Amino acid sequence: MTEIRTPRLLLRRWSEDDLVPLSEINADPEVMRWIGDGETLDLEETAETIERWEDEWDEEGFGIFAVELLASGELIGAVGLSMPWWLPEVLPAAEITWRLGRSYWGQGYGSEAAHATLEFALQDRGLDRVVAVNRAGNDESENVIRKLGMTAEKDINHPQTGALLNLHGIDLTEYEG
């Protein structure tokens, strides 16, 4: 089982106990406003999401981690890698992504987990390139992307929603772990 420990967090694969806490995060309109079409997800949709994430682990050797606080074992969100099949122009690069419960914003958890995930991608999994796709206006995520050392590459429109997206990237030669 793949696990990453940071000073405050455990990044790990998903368990049945994660369904309800993640569904509570996914039900928050403020959390979801920057993700996909901005719609919240219910319990069943959250279960389907976790199943897709776990399938990607099996297929790609990487995926989205459950993120918990080491001190309490509490699930605070999801951070990890996925293949952005919805945006074929960036393939074969993997996309780094994150989603934290609102009460955990502004405490550095997103950056801490994203740094660990980027290192995992480029050093452990041997990926050559990782991208981040950020909806324009999401300044908090833009801040995490800057902390990762990713370079802004171009603006594109989401193929399904039309939302303006900012594409950032980093490759192994640029990474300074």
C-alpha atoms as a PDB file:
ATOM      1  CA  MET A   1       0.000   0.000   0.000  1.00  0.00           C
ATOM      2  CA  THR A   2       1.327   3.426  -0.953  1.00  0.00           C
ATOM      3  CA  GLU A   3       1.562   5.959   1.849  1.00  0.00           C
ATOM      4  CA  ILE A   4       3.372   9.258   2.226  1.00  0.00           C
ATOM      5  CA  ARG A   5       3.983  10.945   5.551  1.00  0.00           C
ATOM      6  CA  THR A   6       4.703  14.628   5.841  1.00  0.00           C
ATOM      7  CA  PRO A   7       5.286  16.494   9.106  1.00  0.00           C
ATOM      8  CA  ARG A   8       1.517  16.843   9.679  1.00  0.00           C
ATOM      9  CA  LEU A   9      -0.228  14.601   7.164  1.00  0.00           C
ATOM     10  CA  LEU A  10      -0.688  11.042   6.000  1.00  0.00           C
ATOM     11  CA  LEU A  11      -1.440  10.568   2.308  1.00  0.00           C
ATOM     12  CA  ARG A  12      -2.848   7.092   1.740  1.00  0.00           C
ATOM     13  CA  ARG A  13      -5.232   4.975  -0.310  1.00  0.00           C
ATOM     14  CA  TRP A  14      -8.977   5.154   0.347  1.00  0.00           C
ATOM     15  CA  SER A  15     -10.971   3.099   2.847  1.00  0.00           C
ATOM     16  CA  GLU A  16     -14.696   2.642   3.477  1.00  0.00           C
ATOM     17  CA  ASP A  17     -14.424   4.937   6.507  1.00  0.00           C
ATOM     18  CA  ASP A  18     -13.533   7.833   4.184  1.00  0.00           C
ATOM     19  CA  LEU A  19     -16.837   7.894   2.307  1.00  0.00           C
ATOM     20  CA  VAL A  20     -18.901   9.975   4.738  1.00  0.00           C
ATOM     21  CA  PRO A  21     -16.200  12.568   5.557  1.00  0.00           C
ATOM     22  CA  LEU A  22     -15.364  13.046   1.869  1.00  0.00           C
ATOM     23  CA  SER A  23     -19.049  13.300   0.963  1.00  0.00           C
ATOM     24  CA  GLU A  24     -19.360  16.096   3.540  1.00  0.00           C
ATOM     25  CA  ILE A  25     -16.467  17.933   1.870  1.00  0.00           C
ATOM     26  CA  ASN A  26     -18.001  17.315  -1.574  1.00  0.00           C
ATOM     27  CA  ALA A  27     -21.375  18.648  -0.378  1.00  0.00           C
ATOM     28  CA  ASP A  28     -19.895  22.065   0.459  1.00  0.00           C
ATOM     29  CA  PRO A  29     -20.631  24.531  -2.380  1.00  0.00           C
ATOM     30  CA  GLU A  30     -17.604  26.658  -1.443  1.00  0.00           C
ATOM     31  CA  VAL A  31     -15.260  23.674  -1.791  1.00  0.00           C
ATOM     32  CA  MET A  32     -16.776  22.547  -5.076  1.00  0.00           C
ATOM     33  CA  ARG A  33     -17.144  25.929  -6.764  1.00  0.00           C
ATOM     34  CA  TRP A  34     -13.746  25.596  -8.479  1.00  0.00           C
ATOM     35  CA  ILE A  35     -13.994  21.873  -9.293  1.00  0.00           C
ATOM     36  CA  GLY A  36     -15.487  20.566 -12.544  1.00  0.00           C
ATOM     37  CA  ASP A  37     -18.795  22.278 -13.220  1.00  0.00           C
ATOM     38  CA  GLY A  38     -18.983  23.554  -9.637  1.00  0.00           C
ATOM     39  CA  GLU A  39     -21.772  21.179  -8.614  1.00  0.00           C
ATOM     40  CA  THR A  40     -21.696  19.490  -5.229  1.00  0.00           C
ATOM     41  CA  LEU A  41     -21.635  15.694  -4.986  1.00  0.00           C
ATOM     42  CA  ASP A  42     -23.886  13.511  -2.861  1.00  0.00           C
ATOM     43  CA  LEU A  43     -22.938  10.309  -1.038  1.00  0.00           C
ATOM     44  CA  GLU A  44     -23.473   8.065  -4.066  1.00  0.00           C
ATOM     45  CA  GLU A  45     -21.522  10.368  -6.389  1.00  0.00           C
ATOM     46  CA  THR A  46     -18.724  10.559  -3.830  1.00  0.00           C
ATOM     47  CA  ALA A  47     -18.603   6.739  -3.672  1.00  0.00           C
ATOM     48  CA  GLU A  48     -18.329   6.640  -7.487  1.00  0.00           C
ATOM     49  CA  THR A  49     -15.547   9.231  -7.362  1.00  0.00           C
ATOM     50  CA  ILE A  50     -13.534   7.226  -4.826  1.00  0.00           C
ATOM     51  CA  GLU A  51     -14.043   4.102  -6.945  1.00  0.00           C
ATOM     52  CA  ARG A  52     -12.697   5.933 -10.040  1.00  0.00           C
ATOM     53  CA  TRP A  53      -9.729   7.186  -8.055  1.00  0.00           C
ATOM     54  CA  GLU A  54      -8.958   3.685  -6.797  1.00  0.00           C
ATOM     55  CA  ASP A  55      -9.280   2.269 -10.336  1.00  0.00           C
ATOM     56  CA  GLU A  56      -6.741   4.827 -11.524  1.00  0.00           C
ATOM     57  CA  TRP A  57      -4.325   3.657  -8.834  1.00  0.00           C
ATOM     58  CA  ASP A  58      -4.667   0.128 -10.212  1.00  0.00           C
ATOM     59  CA  GLU A  59      -4.328   1.213 -13.854  1.00  0.00           C
ATOM     60  CA  GLU A  60      -1.670   3.944 -13.649  1.00  0.00           C
ATOM     61  CA  GLY A  61       0.290   3.186 -10.472  1.00  0.00           C
ATOM     62  CA  PHE A  62      -0.680   6.562  -9.038  1.00  0.00           C
ATOM     63  CA  GLY A  63      -3.871   8.349  -8.129  1.00  0.00           C
ATOM     64  CA  ILE A  64      -5.654  10.583  -5.671  1.00  0.00           C
ATOM     65  CA  PHE A  65      -4.681  10.127  -2.032  1.00  0.00           C
ATOM     66  CA  ALA A  66      -6.928  10.399   0.990  1.00  0.00           C
ATOM     67  CA  VAL A  67      -5.343  13.058   3.203  1.00  0.00           C
ATOM     68  CA  GLU A  68      -5.601  12.763   6.963  1.00  0.00           C
ATOM     69  CA  LEU A  69      -4.145  14.678   9.869  1.00  0.00           C
ATOM     70  CA  LEU A  70      -1.469  12.622  11.588  1.00  0.00           C
ATOM     71  CA  ALA A  71      -2.387  14.050  14.980  1.00  0.00           C
ATOM     72  CA  SER A  72      -6.053  13.003  14.886  1.00  0.00           C
ATOM     73  CA  GLY A  73      -6.536  10.597  11.964  1.00  0.00           C
ATOM     74  CA  GLU A  74      -9.238  12.936  10.629  1.00  0.00           C
ATOM     75  CA  LEU A  75      -9.810  12.956   6.853  1.00  0.00           C
ATOM     76  CA  ILE A  76      -9.311  16.503   5.589  1.00  0.00           C
ATOM     77  CA  GLY A  77      -9.521  15.974   1.833  1.00  0.00           C
ATOM     78  CA  ALA A  78      -7.943  14.534  -1.281  1.00  0.00           C
ATOM     79  CA  VAL A  79      -4.673  15.338  -3.044  1.00  0.00           C
ATOM     80  CA  GLY A  80      -2.983  13.444  -5.814  1.00  0.00           C
ATOM     81  CA  LEU A  81      -2.447  12.687  -9.450  1.00  0.00           C
ATOM     82  CA  SER A  82      -4.774  11.757 -12.252  1.00  0.00           C
ATOM     83  CA  MET A  83      -4.659  11.491 -16.002  1.00  0.00           C
ATOM     84  CA  PRO A  84      -6.538  14.470 -17.486  1.00  0.00           C
ATOM     85  CA  TRP A  85      -8.242  12.512 -20.286  1.00  0.00           C
ATOM     86  CA  TRP A  86     -10.742  15.383 -20.532  1.00  0.00           C
ATOM     87  CA  LEU A  87      -7.869  17.607 -21.738  1.00  0.00           C
ATOM     88  CA  PRO A  88      -6.007  15.513 -24.338  1.00  0.00           C
ATOM     89  CA  GLU A  89      -3.674  18.348 -25.369  1.00  0.00           C
ATOM     90  CA  VAL A  90      -1.652  17.973 -22.131  1.00  0.00           C
ATOM     91  CA  LEU A  91      -1.318  14.176 -22.253  1.00  0.00           C
ATOM     92  CA  PRO A  92       0.704  12.163 -21.395  1.00  0.00           C
ATOM     93  CA  ALA A  93       1.359  14.458 -18.421  1.00  0.00           C
ATOM     94  CA  ALA A  94      -0.375  13.634 -15.159  1.00  0.00           C
ATOM     95  CA  GLU A  95      -2.374  16.353 -13.404  1.00  0.00           C
ATOM     96  CA  ILE A  96      -1.841  17.230  -9.754  1.00  0.00           C
ATOM     97  CA  THR A  97      -5.035  18.162  -7.964  1.00  0.00           C
ATOM     98  CA  TRP A  98      -6.320  18.876  -4.468  1.00  0.00           C
ATOM     99  CA  ARG A  99      -9.553  19.310  -2.553  1.00  0.00           C
ATOM    100  CA  LEU A 100      -9.632  20.102   1.146  1.00  0.00           C
ATOM    101  CA  GLY A 101     -12.493  20.673   3.535  1.00  0.00           C
ATOM    102  CA  ARG A 102     -13.076  24.380   4.061  1.00  0.00           C
ATOM    103  CA  SER A 103     -12.123  24.294   7.751  1.00  0.00           C
ATOM    104  CA  TYR A 104      -8.605  23.208   6.665  1.00  0.00           C
ATOM    105  CA  TRP A 105      -7.967  26.050   4.226  1.00  0.00           C
ATOM    106  CA  GLY A 106      -5.262  28.604   4.924  1.00  0.00           C
ATOM    107  CA  GLN A 107      -3.161  26.326   7.137  1.00  0.00           C
ATOM    108  CA  GLY A 108      -0.639  25.113   4.563  1.00  0.00           C
ATOM    109  CA  TYR A 109      -2.064  21.592   4.329  1.00  0.00           C
ATOM    110  CA  GLY A 110      -2.735  21.871   0.596  1.00  0.00           C
ATOM    111  CA  SER A 111       0.821  22.985  -0.151  1.00  0.00           C
ATOM    112  CA  GLU A 112       2.298  20.354   2.165  1.00  0.00           C
ATOM    113  CA  ALA A 113       0.349  17.528   0.541  1.00  0.00           C
ATOM    114  CA  ALA A 114       0.893  18.851  -2.988  1.00  0.00           C
ATOM    115  CA  HIS A 115       4.684  19.086  -2.471  1.00  0.00           C
ATOM    116  CA  ALA A 116       4.758  15.479  -1.255  1.00  0.00           C
ATOM    117  CA  THR A 117       2.632  14.392  -4.215  1.00  0.00           C
ATOM    118  CA  LEU A 118       4.819  16.199  -6.756  1.00  0.00           C
ATOM    119  CA  GLU A 119       7.931  14.581  -5.298  1.00  0.00           C
ATOM    120  CA  PHE A 120       6.156  11.207  -5.417  1.00  0.00           C
ATOM    121  CA  ALA A 121       5.257  11.785  -9.091  1.00  0.00           C
ATOM    122  CA  LEU A 122       8.652  12.882 -10.334  1.00  0.00           C
ATOM    123  CA  GLN A 123      10.993  10.887  -8.106  1.00  0.00           C
ATOM    124  CA  ASP A 124       9.105   7.769  -7.013  1.00  0.00           C
ATOM    125  CA  ARG A 125       6.873   7.135 -10.033  1.00  0.00           C
ATOM    126  CA  GLY A 126       9.339   8.458 -12.593  1.00  0.00           C
ATOM    127  CA  LEU A 127       6.908  10.756 -14.387  1.00  0.00           C
ATOM    128  CA  ASP A 128       8.623  13.226 -16.712  1.00  0.00           C
ATOM    129  CA  ARG A 129       6.017  15.976 -16.465  1.00  0.00           C
ATOM    130  CA  VAL A 130       3.177  17.079 -14.180  1.00  0.00           C
ATOM    131  CA  VAL A 131       0.591  19.761 -14.915  1.00  0.00           C
ATOM    132  CA  ALA A 132      -1.830  21.727 -12.788  1.00  0.00           C
ATOM    133  CA  VAL A 133      -5.068  23.020 -14.258  1.00  0.00           C
ATOM    134  CA  ASN A 134      -6.563  25.880 -12.296  1.00  0.00           C
ATOM    135  CA  ARG A 135      -9.835  27.666 -12.939  1.00  0.00           C
ATOM    136  CA  ALA A 136      -9.079  31.361 -13.519  1.00  0.00           C
ATOM    137  CA  GLY A 137      -9.843  33.368 -10.389  1.00  0.00           C
ATOM    138  CA  ASN A 138      -9.018  30.604  -7.910  1.00  0.00           C
ATOM    139  CA  ASP A 139      -6.242  32.553  -6.229  1.00  0.00           C
ATOM    140  CA  GLU A 140      -5.774  30.063  -3.381  1.00  0.00           C
ATOM    141  CA  SER A 141      -4.971  27.223  -5.779  1.00  0.00           C
ATOM    142  CA  GLU A 142      -2.811  29.559  -7.850  1.00  0.00           C
ATOM    143  CA  ASN A 143      -0.779  30.197  -4.702  1.00  0.00           C
ATOM    144  CA  VAL A 144      -0.236  26.455  -4.155  1.00  0.00           C
ATOM    145  CA  ILE A 145       0.813  26.075  -7.802  1.00  0.00           C
ATOM    146  CA  ARG A 146       3.402  28.859  -7.431  1.00  0.00           C
ATOM    147  CA  LYS A 147       4.783  27.191  -4.279  1.00  0.00           C
ATOM    148  CA  LEU A 148       5.243  23.985  -6.283  1.00  0.00           C
ATOM    149  CA  GLY A 149       7.519  25.838  -8.714  1.00  0.00           C
ATOM    150  CA  MET A 150       5.218  25.233 -11.664  1.00  0.00           C
ATOM    151  CA  THR A 151       5.380  27.574 -14.644  1.00  0.00           C
ATOM    152  CA  ALA A 152       2.332  29.199 -16.224  1.00  0.00           C
ATOM    153  CA  GLU A 153       2.060  27.913 -19.778  1.00  0.00           C
ATOM    154  CA  LYS A 154      -1.196  29.065 -21.306  1.00  0.00           C
ATOM    155  CA  ASP A 155      -4.867  29.765 -20.791  1.00  0.00           C
ATOM    156  CA  ILE A 156      -7.421  27.379 -22.246  1.00  0.00           C
ATOM    157  CA  ASN A 157     -11.150  26.831 -22.052  1.00  0.00           C
ATOM    158  CA  HIS A 158     -12.590  23.769 -20.345  1.00  0.00           C
ATOM    159  CA  PRO A 159     -13.864  21.546 -23.184  1.00  0.00           C
ATOM    160  CA  GLN A 160     -17.204  20.828 -21.460  1.00  0.00           C
ATOM    161  CA  THR A 161     -17.982  23.907 -19.354  1.00  0.00           C
ATOM    162  CA  GLY A 162     -16.159  26.612 -21.298  1.00  0.00           C
ATOM    163  CA  ALA A 163     -14.617  27.970 -18.065  1.00  0.00           C
ATOM    164  CA  LEU A 164     -11.281  29.741 -18.459  1.00  0.00           C
ATOM    165  CA  LEU A 165      -8.465  27.563 -17.128  1.00  0.00           C
ATOM    166  CA  ASN A 166      -4.817  28.362 -16.401  1.00  0.00           C
ATOM    167  CA  LEU A 167      -2.421  25.576 -17.357  1.00  0.00           C
ATOM    168  CA  HIS A 168       0.852  25.242 -15.424  1.00  0.00           C
ATOM    169  CA  GLY A 169       3.546  22.625 -15.747  1.00  0.00           C
ATOM    170  CA  ILE A 170       6.813  21.325 -14.403  1.00  0.00           C
ATOM    171  CA  ASP A 171       9.072  18.618 -15.684  1.00  0.00           C
ATOM    172  CA  LEU A 172      11.730  16.540 -14.006  1.00  0.00           C
ATOM    173  CA  THR A 173      14.566  18.811 -15.208  1.00  0.00           C
ATOM    174  CA  GLU A 174      12.909  21.850 -13.559  1.00  0.00           C
ATOM    175  CA  TYR A 175      12.013  20.160 -10.284  1.00  0.00           C
ATOM    176  CA  GLU A 176      14.129  21.144  -7.290  1.00  0.00           C
ATOM    177  CA  GLY A 177      12.502  18.856  -4.658  1.00  0.00           C
END
